[in-house]
Amino acid sequence: MNIQINRETLLKPLSSVTSIVEKRHTLPILSNLLLETKANKIQLTATDLEMQISLSVETATGGEISTTISAKKLLDICRSLPDNAEINLATNESRVTLKAGKSRFNLQTLPAADYPVMSKTQGQSTLVTIAQRQFKALLKQVEFAMAQQDIRYYLNGLLFEVSANRLNIVGTDGHRLSFTSTELKQNYEKQEVILPRKTVIELIKLLDDSEEDVQIEISNAQVNFSFGNIKLISKVIDGKFPDYNRVIPTGHQNIFSIDRLGVLLAMQRASILSNEKYRGIRMVINNNNLKLISTNSDQEEAEEELEIAYNGAALDIGFNVTYLIDVLNNTNSDQVTFSFADANSSCLITVPDNTYYKYVVMPMRI
């Protein structure tokens, strides 16, 4: 059997699914994509056993193929072909022949029946619908605060909490915490899962900046996302996420608002001379004045001074400057508000145009 498809039609979906394929895997078939055709559609599926992405694309001619093929080789071949090349795929026992113009490639396959397809778990689940653009924006507001390879494995992901008519998403690495929330179209019973870091990163790549919906089906063991021609299944992290409500402070009295870009650039300049390992910066806050001071082991010092509307208590408090730069880079608001209790307490950062967004940073000794 053979099928025909345009290079452009195949390339983007192929790149999307291939991104989760591990380069070297103990199971050779996991380096492959599952390629299935039905009635003028190709479905491409990739999995790493923790998550799975399936994408369907229209083909020029129909034929029935069901096989698995090296993800990397197929992607490299497609990338190297000229624009708008017509690709012809034909299967023959344990091989796939790919032709385009005068180019011809013979690729080895493994049986489709051996491919470890993840299936949707049966049982109770919560179905939430939200616009793709809105969901992508929510993820970007919190994903940078996730831990990367923490031994507290439950921190290497985001908390998804559906409660009444709200979806709350939280990320923390133990030093800082980012919280965001949005209103849903209906009320739900409370349910929470921890979505793995890799799934979050893939979702941000795959989601469109469109008003089209993404359907999120949350069950105890997995979360299913369905949007456009993409279906993504992800296992969840088994563990107890920290109680974020205890971390987010209320009643901080010492508050000032400041131009986001101005303070971001000042922090980036001051960070040049911060200690490379600890990345510390001092915020010295007095009447209508904010100083950002950093020093390093070579006794070098940087100081930035900014005017602020402030008449609270004088404060001298240290932070990891990377944590502050991260939040300023990941919010679009023109203004940000810093709130403090004292020099030993966490700092709460909020934005005027979104009352639900909260970012908490623990202080550090400098």
Protein backbone atom coordinates (compact mmCIF):
# COMPACT_ATOMS: atom_id res chain seq x y z
CA MET A 1 0.00 0.00 0.00
CA ASN A 2 1.19 3.53 -0.58
CA ILE A 3 0.07 7.02 0.40
CA GLN A 4 0.94 10.50 -0.85
CA ILE A 5 1.39 13.59 1.28
CA ASN A 6 2.88 17.04 0.83
CA ARG A 7 6.10 17.76 2.78
CA GLU A 8 4.67 20.93 4.37
CA THR A 9 1.55 19.08 5.54
CA LEU A 10 3.68 16.43 7.24
CA LEU A 11 6.59 18.47 8.62
CA LYS A 12 4.94 20.52 11.39
CA PRO A 13 2.94 17.64 12.94
CA LEU A 14 5.96 15.38 12.61
CA SER A 15 8.10 17.91 14.53
CA SER A 16 5.39 18.23 17.18
CA VAL A 17 5.15 14.53 17.98
CA THR A 18 8.87 13.78 17.60
CA SER A 19 9.83 16.25 20.34
CA ILE A 20 8.88 13.76 23.10
CA VAL A 21 10.77 10.81 21.60
CA GLU A 22 13.80 9.95 23.70
CA LYS A 23 17.08 9.88 21.75
CA ARG A 24 18.36 6.66 23.27
CA HIS A 25 15.90 4.32 24.85
CA THR A 26 16.21 0.85 26.33
CA LEU A 27 13.16 -0.14 24.27
CA PRO A 28 14.07 0.36 20.57
CA ILE A 29 10.42 0.76 19.56
CA LEU A 30 10.15 3.94 21.67
CA SER A 31 12.54 5.65 19.22
CA ASN A 32 9.85 5.03 16.60
CA LEU A 33 6.60 6.73 15.69
CA LEU A 34 3.41 4.79 15.21
CA LEU A 35 2.14 5.62 11.74
CA GLU A 36 -1.45 4.65 10.91
CA THR A 37 -3.61 5.68 7.97
CA LYS A 38 -7.37 5.59 7.72
CA ALA A 39 -9.52 7.15 5.00
CA ASN A 40 -7.23 9.91 3.72
CA LYS A 41 -5.74 10.64 7.14
CA ILE A 42 -2.39 9.78 8.66
CA GLN A 43 -2.24 9.52 12.44
CA LEU A 44 1.20 9.94 14.01
CA THR A 45 1.69 8.80 17.60
CA ALA A 46 4.75 9.12 19.85
CA THR A 47 5.14 8.08 23.48
CA ASP A 48 7.81 7.91 26.19
CA LEU A 49 5.48 5.77 28.40
CA GLU A 50 4.78 8.82 30.62
CA MET A 51 3.01 10.88 27.98
CA GLN A 52 1.72 10.34 24.45
CA ILE A 53 1.00 12.75 21.60
CA SER A 54 -1.22 11.79 18.64
CA LEU A 55 -1.75 14.02 15.63
CA SER A 56 -3.80 13.43 12.49
CA VAL A 57 -3.17 15.04 9.08
CA GLU A 58 -4.94 14.85 5.72
CA THR A 59 -3.22 12.90 2.91
CA ALA A 60 -3.51 13.43 -0.84
CA THR A 61 -4.32 9.79 -1.51
CA GLY A 62 -5.59 7.14 0.84
CA GLY A 63 -4.21 3.74 1.62
CA GLU A 64 -4.05 1.55 4.70
CA ILE A 65 -0.71 1.54 6.49
CA SER A 66 -0.01 0.53 10.07
CA THR A 67 3.64 0.44 11.10
CA THR A 68 6.31 2.09 13.26
CA ILE A 69 9.24 4.02 11.86
CA SER A 70 12.28 5.86 13.29
CA ALA A 71 11.02 9.28 14.40
CA LYS A 72 14.37 11.04 14.04
CA LYS A 73 15.18 9.60 10.61
CA LEU A 74 11.74 10.41 9.20
CA LEU A 75 11.95 13.97 10.55
CA ASP A 76 15.50 14.49 9.23
CA ILE A 77 14.48 13.21 5.77
CA CYS A 78 11.41 15.52 5.66
CA ARG A 79 13.47 18.51 6.76
CA SER A 80 16.08 17.88 4.08
CA LEU A 81 13.59 17.60 1.19
CA PRO A 82 12.82 20.66 -0.96
CA ASP A 83 9.80 22.83 -0.10
CA ASN A 84 6.47 21.50 -1.37
CA ALA A 85 7.96 18.12 -2.28
CA GLU A 86 5.35 15.38 -2.73
CA ILE A 87 6.19 12.43 -0.49
CA ASN A 88 5.17 8.90 -1.39
CA LEU A 89 5.20 6.29 1.39
CA ALA A 90 4.93 2.59 0.65
CA THR A 91 5.22 -0.39 3.00
CA ASN A 92 6.73 -3.73 2.16
CA GLU A 93 6.91 -6.30 4.95
CA SER A 94 9.46 -4.90 7.45
CA ARG A 95 10.39 -1.81 5.43
CA VAL A 96 8.97 1.55 4.41
CA THR A 97 10.08 3.14 1.14
CA LEU A 98 9.87 6.93 1.03
CA LYS A 99 10.13 8.61 -2.36
CA ALA A 100 10.18 12.30 -3.21
CA GLY A 101 11.23 13.46 -6.68
CA LYS A 102 14.49 11.68 -7.47
CA SER A 103 15.16 10.84 -3.79
CA ARG A 104 14.48 7.39 -2.40
CA PHE A 105 14.88 6.10 1.16
CA ASN A 106 14.45 2.58 2.47
CA LEU A 107 13.68 2.52 6.20
CA GLN A 108 13.42 -0.34 8.63
CA THR A 109 10.19 -0.71 10.62
CA LEU A 110 8.96 -2.54 13.72
CA PRO A 111 5.46 -4.04 13.99
CA ALA A 112 2.64 -1.64 14.93
CA ALA A 113 1.17 -4.34 17.17
CA ASP A 114 4.22 -4.07 19.46
CA TYR A 115 3.86 -0.30 19.97
CA PRO A 116 3.00 0.51 23.63
CA VAL A 117 -0.02 2.74 23.01
CA MET A 118 -1.31 4.51 26.11
CA SER A 119 -5.08 4.30 26.35
CA LYS A 120 -7.48 6.56 28.19
CA THR A 121 -8.27 5.28 31.65
CA GLN A 122 -11.88 4.41 32.25
CA GLY A 123 -13.78 5.63 35.27
CA GLN A 124 -14.64 8.97 36.81
CA SER A 125 -13.12 12.08 35.33
CA THR A 126 -13.64 15.84 35.32
CA LEU A 127 -14.01 17.52 31.92
CA VAL A 128 -12.90 21.16 31.73
CA THR A 129 -13.04 23.35 28.60
CA ILE A 130 -10.91 26.46 28.15
CA ALA A 131 -9.65 28.54 25.19
CA GLN A 132 -6.19 27.49 23.96
CA ARG A 133 -4.74 31.01 24.17
CA GLN A 134 -5.96 31.46 27.73
CA PHE A 135 -4.67 28.05 28.84
CA LYS A 136 -1.25 28.67 27.28
CA ALA A 137 -1.01 32.06 29.04
CA LEU A 138 -1.87 30.45 32.40
CA LEU A 139 0.84 27.80 31.98
CA LYS A 140 3.45 30.41 31.04
CA GLN A 141 2.63 32.41 34.18
CA VAL A 142 3.66 29.54 36.45
CA GLU A 143 5.85 27.02 34.59
CA PHE A 144 9.16 28.80 35.30
CA ALA A 145 8.68 28.26 39.06
CA MET A 146 8.57 24.44 38.75
CA ALA A 147 11.54 22.49 40.10
CA GLN A 148 13.78 20.85 37.50
CA GLN A 149 15.22 17.70 39.02
CA ASP A 150 14.33 17.94 42.68
CA ILE A 151 14.46 14.79 44.80
CA ARG A 152 11.06 15.94 46.05
CA TYR A 153 9.63 14.59 42.78
CA TYR A 154 6.19 16.15 43.38
CA LEU A 155 7.78 19.59 42.82
CA ASN A 156 8.90 18.65 39.28
CA GLY A 157 5.52 19.57 37.85
CA LEU A 158 2.50 21.83 38.24
CA LEU A 159 -0.48 21.42 40.54
CA PHE A 160 -3.78 21.44 38.65
CA GLU A 161 -6.67 22.06 41.01
CA VAL A 162 -10.28 22.26 39.90
CA SER A 163 -12.39 23.67 42.70
CA ALA A 164 -15.99 24.94 42.35
CA ASN A 165 -15.89 27.18 39.25
CA ARG A 166 -12.12 27.80 39.21
CA LEU A 167 -9.03 26.17 37.74
CA ASN A 168 -5.98 26.92 39.91
CA ILE A 169 -2.46 26.18 38.63
CA VAL A 170 0.57 26.32 40.95
CA GLY A 171 4.31 25.79 40.48
CA THR A 172 6.98 25.84 43.19
CA ASP A 173 10.58 24.71 43.66
CA GLY A 174 10.60 25.31 47.42
CA HIS A 175 12.27 28.75 47.12
CA ARG A 176 9.51 30.52 45.19
CA LEU A 177 5.90 29.85 44.25
CA SER A 178 3.77 31.01 41.33
CA PHE A 179 -0.03 30.84 41.50
CA THR A 180 -2.61 31.62 38.84
CA SER A 181 -6.32 30.97 38.51
CA THR A 182 -9.14 31.33 36.01
CA GLU A 183 -12.91 31.10 36.11
CA LEU A 184 -14.55 28.06 34.50
CA LYS A 185 -17.90 27.83 32.76
CA GLN A 186 -19.44 25.54 35.39
CA ASN A 187 -19.02 24.24 38.95
CA TYR A 188 -17.00 21.11 39.74
CA GLU A 189 -16.24 18.96 42.72
CA LYS A 190 -12.72 19.56 44.00
CA GLN A 191 -10.04 17.54 42.21
CA GLU A 192 -6.27 17.96 42.03
CA VAL A 193 -3.42 16.31 40.13
CA ILE A 194 0.28 17.08 39.57
CA LEU A 195 1.16 17.35 35.89
CA PRO A 196 4.79 16.41 35.04
CA ARG A 197 7.24 19.08 33.91
CA LYS A 198 7.78 17.51 30.47
CA THR A 199 4.02 17.53 29.75
CA VAL A 200 3.77 21.21 30.70
CA ILE A 201 6.68 22.17 28.39
CA GLU A 202 5.13 20.20 25.48
CA LEU A 203 1.69 21.77 26.02
CA ILE A 204 3.16 25.28 25.85
CA LYS A 205 4.80 24.35 22.52
CA LEU A 206 1.70 22.71 21.06
CA LEU A 207 -1.08 25.09 22.13
CA ASP A 208 -2.15 27.76 19.61
CA ASP A 209 -2.75 31.43 20.33
CA SER A 210 -6.36 30.93 19.27
CA GLU A 211 -9.80 31.11 20.83
CA GLU A 212 -10.42 27.47 19.92
CA ASP A 213 -11.08 25.26 22.93
CA VAL A 214 -8.87 22.70 24.58
CA GLN A 215 -10.74 19.92 26.38
CA ILE A 216 -9.01 18.77 29.57
CA GLU A 217 -10.15 15.47 31.06
CA ILE A 218 -8.74 14.95 34.56
CA SER A 219 -8.81 11.56 36.26
CA ASN A 220 -6.78 10.26 39.22
CA ALA A 221 -4.05 8.61 37.16
CA GLN A 222 -3.86 10.70 33.98
CA VAL A 223 -4.92 13.88 32.22
CA ASN A 224 -6.11 13.94 28.59
CA PHE A 225 -5.85 17.08 26.47
CA SER A 226 -7.67 17.37 23.17
CA PHE A 227 -7.33 20.41 20.88
CA GLY A 228 -7.26 20.97 17.12
CA ASN A 229 -6.01 17.70 15.59
CA ILE A 230 -3.90 16.88 18.66
CA LYS A 231 -4.55 14.44 21.47
CA LEU A 232 -2.15 14.35 24.41
CA ILE A 233 -2.32 11.80 27.24
CA SER A 234 -0.15 12.31 30.32
CA LYS A 235 0.37 10.32 33.47
CA VAL A 236 0.34 12.37 36.67
CA ILE A 237 2.93 12.56 39.44
CA ASP A 238 1.93 10.52 42.45
CA GLY A 239 2.58 12.64 45.52
CA LYS A 240 1.24 15.35 47.81
CA PHE A 241 1.78 18.90 46.61
CA PRO A 242 2.60 21.48 49.35
CA ASP A 243 -0.34 23.50 50.69
CA TYR A 244 0.10 26.67 48.65
CA ASN A 245 -2.44 28.59 50.74
CA ARG A 246 -0.01 28.48 53.69
CA VAL A 247 2.77 29.90 51.53
CA ILE A 248 0.90 32.83 49.97
CA PRO A 249 1.07 35.66 52.53
CA THR A 250 -1.81 37.99 53.35
CA GLY A 251 -1.67 41.31 55.12
CA HIS A 252 1.81 42.51 54.02
CA GLN A 253 1.82 46.21 54.98
CA ASN A 254 4.90 47.54 53.18
CA ILE A 255 3.89 47.93 49.56
CA PHE A 256 5.04 49.75 46.43
CA SER A 257 4.23 49.54 42.71
CA ILE A 258 6.85 50.08 40.02
CA ASP A 259 7.26 50.05 36.25
CA ARG A 260 7.94 46.40 35.34
CA LEU A 261 10.39 47.04 32.53
CA GLY A 262 12.34 49.67 34.50
CA VAL A 263 12.93 47.39 37.49
CA LEU A 264 13.61 44.38 35.24
CA LEU A 265 16.40 46.19 33.37
CA ALA A 266 17.85 47.53 36.64
CA MET A 267 17.90 44.01 38.12
CA GLN A 268 19.50 42.57 34.99
CA ARG A 269 22.26 45.20 35.20
CA ALA A 270 22.79 44.69 38.93
CA SER A 271 22.89 40.91 38.49
CA ILE A 272 26.00 41.19 36.28
CA LEU A 273 28.12 41.65 39.41
CA SER A 274 26.21 39.25 41.67
CA ASN A 275 27.92 36.13 42.98
CA GLU A 276 27.73 33.54 40.17
CA LYS A 277 26.76 30.75 42.55
CA TYR A 278 24.28 32.46 44.89
CA ARG A 279 22.99 35.22 42.56
CA GLY A 280 22.10 37.40 45.56
CA ILE A 281 20.80 40.97 45.34
CA ARG A 282 19.88 43.36 48.17
CA MET A 283 16.73 45.45 47.95
CA VAL A 284 17.18 48.49 50.20
CA ILE A 285 13.83 50.24 50.52
CA ASN A 286 13.44 53.69 52.08
CA ASN A 287 11.12 56.66 51.69
CA ASN A 288 10.36 56.93 47.95
CA ASN A 289 13.62 55.17 47.14
CA LEU A 290 14.62 51.64 46.06
CA LYS A 291 18.27 50.60 45.81
CA LEU A 292 19.35 47.31 44.20
CA ILE A 293 22.82 46.30 45.35
CA SER A 294 24.89 43.28 44.37
CA THR A 295 28.43 42.24 45.28
CA ASN A 296 30.63 39.27 44.45
CA SER A 297 33.68 37.46 45.81
CA ASP A 298 36.02 39.84 43.95
CA GLN A 299 34.67 42.70 46.10
CA GLU A 300 32.99 44.26 43.05
CA GLU A 301 29.71 46.08 43.54
CA ALA A 302 26.78 47.22 41.41
CA GLU A 303 24.14 49.67 42.59
CA GLU A 304 20.92 50.74 40.88
CA GLU A 305 18.64 53.43 42.28
CA LEU A 306 14.96 53.81 41.42
CA GLU A 307 12.28 56.26 42.57
CA ILE A 308 9.18 54.66 44.11
CA ALA A 309 6.05 55.92 45.85
CA TYR A 310 6.70 54.44 49.30
CA ASN A 311 6.42 55.65 52.88
CA GLY A 312 6.43 52.34 54.79
CA ALA A 313 9.11 50.91 57.08
CA ALA A 314 12.74 50.96 55.91
CA LEU A 315 13.78 47.50 54.70
CA ASP A 316 17.02 45.82 53.69
CA ILE A 317 16.25 42.38 52.28
CA GLY A 318 18.15 39.89 50.10
CA PHE A 319 16.82 37.71 47.24
CA ASN A 320 18.06 35.42 44.52
CA VAL A 321 17.90 37.89 41.63
CA THR A 322 17.14 35.13 39.09
CA TYR A 323 13.81 34.45 40.83
CA LEU A 324 12.83 38.12 40.54
CA ILE A 325 13.97 38.43 36.91
CA ASP A 326 11.97 35.28 36.02
CA VAL A 327 8.66 36.69 37.19
CA LEU A 328 9.29 40.10 35.59
CA ASN A 329 10.07 38.37 32.28
CA ASN A 330 6.97 36.19 32.42
CA THR A 331 4.28 38.76 33.04
CA ASN A 332 3.01 41.26 30.46
CA SER A 333 1.75 43.85 32.91
CA ASP A 334 3.19 47.39 32.72
CA GLN A 335 3.24 47.69 36.51
CA VAL A 336 4.11 45.20 39.25
CA THR A 337 3.46 45.48 42.99
CA PHE A 338 5.95 44.32 45.64
CA SER A 339 4.60 43.63 49.17
CA PHE A 340 6.72 42.94 52.29
CA ALA A 341 6.15 42.28 55.99
CA ASP A 342 9.73 42.60 57.28
CA ALA A 343 13.32 41.74 56.29
CA ASN A 344 12.90 38.05 57.23
CA SER A 345 9.62 37.33 55.49
CA SER A 346 8.72 36.39 51.94
CA CYS A 347 8.01 38.96 49.25
CA LEU A 348 4.68 38.85 47.41
CA ILE A 349 4.62 40.09 43.82
CA THR A 350 1.27 40.85 42.17
CA VAL A 351 0.06 42.64 39.02
CA PRO A 352 -2.72 45.25 38.98
CA ASP A 353 -4.61 43.77 35.99
CA ASN A 354 -4.96 40.24 37.41
CA THR A 355 -6.06 39.93 41.03
CA TYR A 356 -5.61 36.14 40.92
CA TYR A 357 -1.93 36.08 39.96
CA LYS A 358 0.47 35.76 42.91
CA TYR A 359 4.22 35.12 43.04
CA VAL A 360 6.01 34.49 46.34
CA VAL A 361 9.81 34.59 46.83
CA MET A 362 11.61 33.56 49.98
CA PRO A 363 14.38 35.93 51.13
CA MET A 364 18.05 34.89 51.33
CA ARG A 365 20.83 35.96 53.64
CA ILE A 366 23.47 38.04 51.88
